[in-house]
């Protein structure tokens, strides 16, 4: 006899989360506790779709490659990541005030997901029909709209996560999303490697963007089916009041302020990755090519590490921040010492694992900071805490963007050493955080 959706949800939830333990839902309502297995599965499948979409249409990797095929000036490639991050983070303090006025917030993510899907489809059409600087302007503008939609979704996601999944189970949901998305990403990477690694046809890549758009539409549909209990709407504030409250929050909540400092310092982990590529290219005289290989490495790293980071973060997200920062610093030290090793040792095979491990370290940092924020923020003020954190990070991202300019003067090794120092400071900063 065919199993019902409820039976499948219960089995997945039991296997991944409870493992025979009595269900405890102190942090959410009794009704939400009953719906937790179904919501867990829907949220996880939503993550499968979005994480695959993010990889096959990555502004860090895929779009710059397509730009090179279209003859788009490199200036536009340099704008992609800063615009993606800043557009997503900076507007959130204002947007969160609007979201709080509604008792059900899942539809904000669903609408944002539809908007992101639409932007991806439009990017696919843009790269198919336009070339040169015109294509660059069009794609950059669409990425800005995409990232602003992502910012709305980020606030709604964390609030819905806090309302529908019990504390102590949230990081395992994030790891489920990352693991499933990682497995699909490996498959996508294999397809890219074997069929598109030497592809010069823009048509093939425009199809990738169309597929990514449809995945976002699917993700929006899945999220809309989550059963969410109405949340508090009282105490809503105007955008100006929200900004004032955000500043007062930074002054009054020392632990939250320390968390923001720690999170900012952890940004050094993703920032160091391009410098590893430059270091390998210079030191080994090897061109690291093949989009599929990078996508595969990301998928494997996430698949292997996510379950571990998820369980660890549910026990102590603070400790995961410490461990991931220390792990990343050790990787940087290995890179800095690499040229002092014997010539017989130095090769792309002894350097290559650096990329694999730094993605694992970043996975731990990202999962732990997300879990810590959701667990620490008071339920009634969670949108405010999330928006303040993301707006703060938006400004930090702008500052971090200047590092690429500084690198041209200081050199790659100095930048890696500097970022390693920031990782060490991140670990020390995390030690001061409260356990949640």
Protein backbone atom coordinates (compact mmCIF):
# COMPACT_ATOMS: atom_id res chain seq x y z
CA UNK A 1 0.00 0.00 0.00
CA UNK A 2 1.33 3.45 -0.93
CA UNK A 3 2.56 5.54 1.95
CA UNK A 4 0.88 8.88 2.62
CA UNK A 5 2.79 12.14 2.63
CA UNK A 6 2.34 12.26 6.42
CA UNK A 7 3.91 8.81 6.85
CA UNK A 8 6.91 9.78 4.72
CA UNK A 9 7.32 13.03 6.62
CA UNK A 10 7.20 11.24 9.98
CA UNK A 11 9.79 8.68 8.88
CA UNK A 12 12.16 11.33 7.53
CA UNK A 13 11.77 13.40 10.69
CA UNK A 14 12.25 10.37 12.94
CA UNK A 15 15.38 9.26 11.07
CA UNK A 16 17.06 12.66 10.77
CA UNK A 17 16.00 14.38 13.95
CA UNK A 18 14.43 12.33 16.71
CA UNK A 19 16.09 8.91 16.44
CA UNK A 20 13.69 7.39 18.92
CA UNK A 21 13.68 10.34 21.32
CA UNK A 22 10.42 11.72 22.67
CA UNK A 23 9.35 14.73 20.67
CA UNK A 24 9.96 17.97 22.54
CA UNK A 25 8.77 21.32 21.20
CA UNK A 26 9.19 23.80 24.04
CA UNK A 27 10.12 26.63 21.67
CA UNK A 28 7.07 26.39 19.36
CA UNK A 29 3.31 25.91 19.81
CA UNK A 30 1.72 22.50 20.30
CA UNK A 31 0.01 22.72 16.92
CA UNK A 32 3.30 23.60 15.22
CA UNK A 33 4.89 20.64 17.00
CA UNK A 34 2.35 18.29 15.40
CA UNK A 35 3.07 19.76 11.99
CA UNK A 36 6.87 19.76 12.45
CA UNK A 37 7.57 16.55 10.43
CA UNK A 38 5.64 17.78 7.38
CA UNK A 39 7.13 21.25 7.63
CA UNK A 40 10.61 19.75 8.00
CA UNK A 41 10.23 17.79 4.76
CA UNK A 42 8.74 20.70 2.79
CA UNK A 43 11.45 23.05 4.01
CA UNK A 44 14.13 20.51 3.16
CA UNK A 45 12.83 19.96 -0.37
CA UNK A 46 12.67 23.72 -0.78
CA UNK A 47 16.36 23.81 0.10
CA UNK A 48 17.18 21.08 -2.43
CA UNK A 49 15.71 23.22 -5.21
CA UNK A 50 17.20 26.57 -4.16
CA UNK A 51 20.70 25.28 -3.50
CA UNK A 52 20.83 23.52 -6.85
CA UNK A 53 19.55 26.68 -8.55
CA UNK A 54 22.21 28.76 -6.79
CA UNK A 55 24.99 26.55 -8.13
CA UNK A 56 23.90 26.18 -11.76
CA UNK A 57 23.39 29.96 -12.06
CA UNK A 58 26.11 31.14 -9.69
CA UNK A 59 27.11 34.84 -9.90
CA UNK A 60 30.52 33.80 -8.56
CA UNK A 61 31.24 31.23 -11.27
CA UNK A 62 28.69 30.64 -14.03
CA UNK A 63 27.72 34.22 -14.88
CA UNK A 64 31.33 35.50 -15.16
CA UNK A 65 32.06 32.61 -17.53
CA UNK A 66 29.03 33.49 -19.66
CA UNK A 67 30.14 37.13 -19.61
CA UNK A 68 33.47 36.05 -21.11
CA UNK A 69 31.60 34.29 -23.94
CA UNK A 70 29.54 37.41 -24.60
CA UNK A 71 32.48 39.79 -24.59
CA UNK A 72 31.19 41.63 -21.52
CA UNK A 73 33.87 43.92 -19.98
CA UNK A 74 35.42 42.45 -16.81
CA UNK A 75 34.18 45.47 -14.87
CA UNK A 76 30.70 43.96 -14.85
CA UNK A 77 31.96 40.63 -13.53
CA UNK A 78 33.55 42.48 -10.63
CA UNK A 79 30.17 44.03 -9.77
CA UNK A 80 28.27 40.75 -9.51
CA UNK A 81 29.18 39.51 -6.00
CA UNK A 82 29.17 42.93 -4.23
CA UNK A 83 25.78 43.77 -5.76
CA UNK A 84 24.42 40.34 -4.92
CA UNK A 85 25.47 40.58 -1.27
CA UNK A 86 24.75 44.25 -0.68
CA UNK A 87 21.40 44.20 -2.46
CA UNK A 88 20.34 41.26 -0.32
CA UNK A 89 21.50 42.60 3.04
CA UNK A 90 21.18 46.37 3.22
CA UNK A 91 17.39 46.85 2.67
CA UNK A 92 16.35 44.31 5.29
CA UNK A 93 16.03 46.65 8.26
CA UNK A 94 13.26 48.49 6.41
CA UNK A 95 11.61 45.41 4.92
CA UNK A 96 11.33 43.57 8.26
CA UNK A 97 9.00 46.28 9.57
CA UNK A 98 6.52 45.44 6.82
CA UNK A 99 6.81 41.68 7.30
CA UNK A 100 6.01 41.90 11.00
CA UNK A 101 2.61 43.46 10.24
CA UNK A 102 1.43 40.10 8.86
CA UNK A 103 0.74 37.11 11.15
CA UNK A 104 1.63 34.59 8.40
CA UNK A 105 5.04 35.24 6.89
CA UNK A 106 5.67 32.22 4.64
CA UNK A 107 4.10 33.97 1.66
CA UNK A 108 6.80 36.62 1.77
CA UNK A 109 9.35 33.90 1.03
CA UNK A 110 7.08 32.37 -1.63
CA UNK A 111 6.60 35.70 -3.41
CA UNK A 112 10.33 36.46 -3.09
CA UNK A 113 11.09 33.01 -4.55
CA UNK A 114 8.81 33.65 -7.51
CA UNK A 115 10.55 36.99 -8.06
CA UNK A 116 13.96 35.30 -7.95
CA UNK A 117 12.78 32.70 -10.43
CA UNK A 118 11.51 35.43 -12.73
CA UNK A 119 14.85 37.25 -12.56
CA UNK A 120 16.71 34.06 -13.46
CA UNK A 121 14.48 33.45 -16.47
CA UNK A 122 15.01 37.05 -17.59
CA UNK A 123 18.78 36.61 -17.18
CA UNK A 124 18.58 33.56 -19.44
CA UNK A 125 16.76 35.61 -22.09
CA UNK A 126 19.20 38.52 -21.67
CA UNK A 127 22.34 36.45 -22.25
CA UNK A 128 20.68 34.76 -25.23
CA UNK A 129 19.65 37.93 -27.05
CA UNK A 130 22.21 40.56 -25.91
CA UNK A 131 25.99 40.88 -26.01
CA UNK A 132 28.82 43.06 -24.70
CA UNK A 133 28.19 45.89 -22.28
CA UNK A 134 24.44 45.85 -22.95
CA UNK A 135 24.23 42.28 -21.66
CA UNK A 136 26.41 43.23 -18.69
CA UNK A 137 24.13 46.11 -17.69
CA UNK A 138 21.02 43.97 -18.08
CA UNK A 139 22.33 41.04 -16.02
CA UNK A 140 23.77 43.25 -13.26
CA UNK A 141 20.42 45.07 -12.95
CA UNK A 142 18.56 41.76 -12.75
CA UNK A 143 21.01 40.44 -10.14
CA UNK A 144 20.28 43.54 -8.04
CA UNK A 145 16.53 42.82 -8.18
CA UNK A 146 17.23 39.14 -7.51
CA UNK A 147 19.30 39.94 -4.43
CA UNK A 148 16.70 42.37 -3.05
CA UNK A 149 14.11 39.61 -3.33
CA UNK A 150 16.56 37.30 -1.57
CA UNK A 151 16.77 39.79 1.30
CA UNK A 152 13.00 39.66 1.80
CA UNK A 153 13.11 35.87 1.70
CA UNK A 154 15.94 35.73 4.24
CA UNK A 155 13.92 37.52 6.92
CA UNK A 156 10.81 35.46 6.25
CA UNK A 157 12.75 32.18 6.17
CA UNK A 158 14.37 32.61 9.57
CA UNK A 159 11.10 33.72 11.15
CA UNK A 160 9.16 30.78 9.69
CA UNK A 161 11.99 28.42 10.68
CA UNK A 162 11.77 29.65 14.27
CA UNK A 163 7.98 29.24 14.33
CA UNK A 164 7.71 25.81 12.69
CA UNK A 165 10.81 23.82 13.71
CA UNK A 166 11.72 23.22 17.39
CA UNK A 167 14.93 24.58 18.86
CA UNK A 168 17.58 21.87 18.77
CA UNK A 169 16.31 20.59 15.42
CA UNK A 170 16.88 23.67 13.23
CA UNK A 171 20.52 23.09 12.34
CA UNK A 172 19.68 19.53 11.31
CA UNK A 173 17.08 20.94 8.94
CA UNK A 174 19.71 23.29 7.51
CA UNK A 175 22.09 20.34 7.11
CA UNK A 176 19.32 18.29 5.42
CA UNK A 177 18.82 21.15 2.96
CA UNK A 178 22.56 21.46 2.34
CA UNK A 179 23.13 17.70 2.00
CA UNK A 180 20.28 17.19 -0.45
CA UNK A 181 21.27 20.27 -2.39
CA UNK A 182 24.88 19.07 -2.36
CA UNK A 183 23.98 15.70 -3.87
CA UNK A 184 22.01 17.37 -6.64
CA UNK A 185 24.87 19.81 -7.14
CA UNK A 186 27.31 16.92 -7.64
CA UNK A 187 25.05 15.55 -10.38
CA UNK A 188 24.80 18.99 -11.97
CA UNK A 189 28.58 19.38 -11.73
CA UNK A 190 29.12 16.06 -13.49
CA UNK A 191 26.80 17.17 -16.28
CA UNK A 192 28.66 20.47 -16.57
CA UNK A 193 32.03 18.72 -16.56
CA UNK A 194 31.24 16.11 -19.18
CA UNK A 195 28.96 18.09 -21.46
CA UNK A 196 29.56 21.82 -20.92
CA UNK A 197 33.14 22.23 -19.63
CA UNK A 198 34.31 23.26 -23.10
CA UNK A 199 30.96 24.60 -24.26
CA UNK A 200 31.13 27.89 -26.09
CA UNK A 201 27.45 28.08 -27.00
CA UNK A 202 25.59 30.77 -25.06
CA UNK A 203 22.35 28.92 -25.79
CA UNK A 204 23.38 26.02 -23.54
CA UNK A 205 24.03 28.37 -20.63
CA UNK A 206 20.84 30.35 -21.18
CA UNK A 207 18.99 27.06 -20.69
CA UNK A 208 20.78 26.69 -17.33
CA UNK A 209 19.32 30.01 -16.20
CA UNK A 210 15.85 28.97 -17.34
CA UNK A 211 16.18 25.74 -15.35
CA UNK A 212 17.35 27.71 -12.30
CA UNK A 213 14.30 29.96 -12.66
CA UNK A 214 11.95 26.98 -12.70
CA UNK A 215 13.68 25.55 -9.62
CA UNK A 216 13.00 28.81 -7.77
CA UNK A 217 9.33 28.62 -8.81
CA UNK A 218 9.18 25.04 -7.50
CA UNK A 219 10.84 26.14 -4.24
CA UNK A 220 8.29 28.93 -3.81
CA UNK A 221 5.44 26.45 -4.27
CA UNK A 222 6.90 24.06 -1.68
CA UNK A 223 7.39 26.83 0.88
CA UNK A 224 3.81 28.04 0.47
CA UNK A 225 2.56 24.62 1.63
CA UNK A 226 4.33 24.90 5.01
CA UNK A 227 1.77 25.01 7.83
CA UNK A 228 2.60 28.11 9.83
CA UNK A 229 0.76 29.34 12.92
CA UNK A 230 -0.03 33.09 13.04
CA UNK A 231 2.68 35.13 14.75
CA UNK A 232 2.55 38.31 16.81
CA UNK A 233 1.88 41.51 14.88
CA UNK A 234 1.65 43.96 17.76
CA UNK A 235 4.50 46.35 18.31
CA UNK A 236 5.02 46.97 14.60
CA UNK A 237 7.21 49.93 13.81
CA UNK A 238 7.66 52.38 10.95
CA UNK A 239 10.92 52.05 8.99
CA UNK A 240 12.37 55.05 10.86
CA UNK A 241 11.38 53.57 14.22
CA UNK A 242 12.81 50.25 13.07
CA UNK A 243 16.17 51.83 12.31
CA UNK A 244 16.18 53.59 15.68
CA UNK A 245 15.26 50.34 17.43
CA UNK A 246 18.02 48.57 15.52
CA UNK A 247 20.65 51.04 16.75
CA UNK A 248 19.36 50.81 20.32
CA UNK A 249 19.52 47.01 20.07
CA UNK A 250 23.22 47.19 19.23
CA UNK A 251 23.79 49.33 22.32
CA UNK A 252 21.65 47.35 24.77
CA UNK A 253 22.36 43.72 23.77
CA UNK A 254 26.10 43.15 24.20
CA UNK A 255 25.92 39.49 23.25
CA UNK A 256 24.13 40.31 20.01
CA UNK A 257 26.76 42.94 19.24
CA UNK A 258 29.52 40.39 19.91
CA UNK A 259 27.73 37.96 17.59
CA UNK A 260 27.75 40.55 14.81
CA UNK A 261 31.48 41.10 15.31
CA UNK A 262 32.07 37.35 15.19
CA UNK A 263 29.91 36.97 12.09
CA UNK A 264 31.75 39.82 10.38
CA UNK A 265 35.13 38.23 11.12
CA UNK A 266 33.88 34.87 9.79
CA UNK A 267 33.37 36.60 6.44
CA UNK A 268 37.12 36.12 6.00
CA UNK A 269 36.49 32.45 5.18
CA UNK A 270 34.64 32.96 1.88
CA UNK A 271 36.79 36.00 1.07
CA UNK A 272 39.99 33.93 1.11
CA UNK A 273 38.82 31.44 -1.53
CA UNK A 274 39.62 33.55 -4.65
CA UNK A 275 43.09 34.24 -3.24
CA UNK A 276 43.70 30.50 -2.99
CA UNK A 277 42.95 30.25 -6.72
CA UNK A 278 45.37 33.08 -7.50
CA UNK A 279 48.03 31.55 -5.23
CA UNK A 280 47.73 28.15 -6.91
CA UNK A 281 47.89 29.67 -10.37
CA UNK A 282 51.00 31.69 -9.52
CA UNK A 283 52.84 29.09 -7.43
CA UNK A 284 52.08 25.99 -9.44
CA UNK A 285 51.76 27.54 -12.87
CA UNK A 286 48.50 25.65 -13.26
CA UNK A 287 45.29 27.02 -14.71
CA UNK A 288 42.39 25.72 -12.62
CA UNK A 289 39.77 25.30 -15.31
CA UNK A 290 36.50 23.47 -15.74
CA UNK A 291 33.33 24.84 -14.21
CA UNK A 292 32.10 21.36 -13.44
CA UNK A 293 35.03 20.55 -11.14
CA UNK A 294 34.35 23.58 -8.95
CA UNK A 295 30.64 22.74 -8.79
CA UNK A 296 31.42 19.10 -7.96
CA UNK A 297 33.84 20.14 -5.18
CA UNK A 298 31.18 22.37 -3.65
CA UNK A 299 28.57 19.62 -3.79
CA UNK A 300 30.82 16.95 -2.27
CA UNK A 301 32.00 19.24 0.52
CA UNK A 302 28.47 20.24 1.47
CA UNK A 303 27.18 16.68 1.28
CA UNK A 304 29.91 15.26 3.50
CA UNK A 305 30.10 18.02 6.08
CA UNK A 306 26.52 19.24 6.43
CA UNK A 307 25.16 16.39 8.61
CA UNK A 308 28.10 16.76 11.00
CA UNK A 309 27.83 20.56 11.21
CA UNK A 310 24.06 20.28 11.65
CA UNK A 311 24.18 17.98 14.68
CA UNK A 312 27.11 19.90 16.14
CA UNK A 313 25.34 23.26 15.70
CA UNK A 314 22.19 21.99 17.40
CA UNK A 315 24.33 21.09 20.41
CA UNK A 316 26.40 24.28 20.40
CA UNK A 317 26.41 26.65 17.43
CA UNK A 318 28.90 28.79 19.36
CA UNK A 319 31.46 25.97 19.40
CA UNK A 320 30.96 25.33 15.68
CA UNK A 321 31.88 28.96 14.97
CA UNK A 322 35.06 28.48 17.00
CA UNK A 323 35.97 25.19 15.30
CA UNK A 324 35.24 26.34 11.75
CA UNK A 325 37.28 29.55 12.25
CA UNK A 326 40.22 27.56 13.64
CA UNK A 327 39.96 24.99 10.84
CA UNK A 328 39.99 27.71 8.18
CA UNK A 329 43.01 29.39 9.82
CA UNK A 330 44.92 26.08 9.72
CA UNK A 331 44.13 25.76 6.00
CA UNK A 332 45.50 29.26 5.44
CA UNK A 333 48.67 28.39 7.35
CA UNK A 334 49.17 25.34 5.13
CA UNK A 335 48.84 27.53 2.05
CA UNK A 336 51.31 30.09 3.37
CA UNK A 337 53.85 27.35 4.12
CA UNK A 338 53.27 25.54 0.83
CA UNK A 339 56.16 27.15 -1.06
CA UNK A 340 58.60 26.08 1.68
CA UNK A 341 57.89 22.40 1.02
CA UNK A 342 60.13 20.31 -1.22
CA UNK A 343 59.64 20.57 -4.98
CA UNK A 344 58.75 16.90 -5.16
CA UNK A 345 55.85 17.49 -2.76
CA UNK A 346 54.41 20.58 -4.44
CA UNK A 347 51.74 19.80 -7.03
CA UNK A 348 48.12 20.55 -7.77
CA UNK A 349 47.26 17.25 -6.03
CA UNK A 350 48.78 18.34 -2.72
CA UNK A 351 47.31 21.83 -3.03
CA UNK A 352 43.91 20.87 -4.46
CA UNK A 353 42.42 19.63 -1.14
CA UNK A 354 42.70 23.21 0.14
CA UNK A 355 39.61 24.14 -1.93
CA UNK A 356 37.69 21.13 -0.63
CA UNK A 357 38.45 21.85 3.02
CA UNK A 358 37.84 25.60 2.90
CA UNK A 359 34.33 24.94 1.58
CA UNK A 360 33.78 22.57 4.53
CA UNK A 361 34.99 25.27 6.94
CA UNK A 362 32.69 27.83 5.35
CA UNK A 363 29.77 25.40 5.60
CA UNK A 364 30.31 25.14 9.36
CA UNK A 365 30.62 28.90 9.78
CA UNK A 366 27.49 29.60 7.76
CA UNK A 367 25.34 26.94 9.42
CA UNK A 368 26.41 27.86 12.95
CA UNK A 369 25.81 31.59 12.55
CA UNK A 370 22.34 30.98 11.08
CA UNK A 371 21.43 28.58 13.89
CA UNK A 372 22.82 30.85 16.60
CA UNK A 373 20.84 33.85 15.36
CA UNK A 374 17.53 31.98 15.14
CA UNK A 375 18.01 30.33 18.55
CA UNK A 376 19.22 33.49 20.30
CA UNK A 377 16.73 36.05 18.97
CA UNK A 378 13.50 36.44 21.04
CA UNK A 379 10.61 34.99 19.03
CA UNK A 380 8.64 38.24 19.00
CA UNK A 381 11.65 40.24 17.82
CA UNK A 382 13.23 37.68 15.50
CA UNK A 383 12.60 39.69 12.28
CA UNK A 384 14.25 42.73 13.89
CA UNK A 385 17.31 40.74 14.99
CA UNK A 386 17.66 39.12 11.56
CA UNK A 387 17.27 42.40 9.68
CA UNK A 388 19.72 44.26 11.95
CA UNK A 389 22.26 41.44 11.55
CA UNK A 390 21.92 41.37 7.78
CA UNK A 391 21.98 45.15 7.39
CA UNK A 392 25.13 45.28 9.52
CA UNK A 393 26.67 42.61 7.30
CA UNK A 394 25.68 44.59 4.21
CA UNK A 395 27.90 47.45 5.30
CA UNK A 396 30.69 45.04 6.22
CA UNK A 397 30.40 43.44 2.77
CA UNK A 398 30.86 46.83 1.13
CA UNK A 399 34.04 47.36 3.15
CA UNK A 400 35.23 43.84 2.36
CA UNK A 401 34.82 44.56 -1.35
CA UNK A 402 37.71 46.99 -1.07
CA UNK A 403 40.02 44.10 -0.10
CA UNK A 404 40.33 43.04 -3.74
CA UNK A 405 41.72 46.50 -4.54
CA UNK A 406 44.12 46.36 -1.60
CA UNK A 407 45.29 42.92 -2.71
CA UNK A 408 46.68 44.44 -5.89
CA UNK A 409 49.12 46.46 -3.80
CA UNK A 410 49.91 44.02 -0.99
CA UNK A 411 50.05 40.75 -2.88
CA UNK A 412 48.19 37.47 -2.51
CA UNK A 413 50.27 36.00 0.35
CA UNK A 414 49.83 39.12 2.49
CA UNK A 415 46.06 39.00 1.93
CA UNK A 416 45.89 35.33 2.90
CA UNK A 417 47.89 36.07 6.06
CA UNK A 418 45.63 39.02 6.88
CA UNK A 419 42.47 36.95 6.40
CA UNK A 420 43.97 34.15 8.51
CA UNK A 421 44.42 36.69 11.31
CA UNK A 422 40.75 37.64 10.99
CA UNK A 423 39.78 33.95 11.28
CA UNK A 424 41.78 33.65 14.50
CA UNK A 425 40.05 36.77 15.84
CA UNK A 426 36.69 35.27 14.83
CA UNK A 427 37.37 32.19 16.94
CA UNK A 428 38.44 34.30 19.91
CA UNK A 429 35.37 36.50 19.51
CA UNK A 430 33.08 33.46 19.41
CA UNK A 431 34.47 32.25 22.74
CA UNK A 432 32.88 35.29 24.41
CA UNK A 433 29.39 34.49 23.10
CA UNK A 434 26.67 33.10 25.36
CA UNK A 435 25.52 29.52 24.83
CA UNK A 436 21.97 29.34 23.46
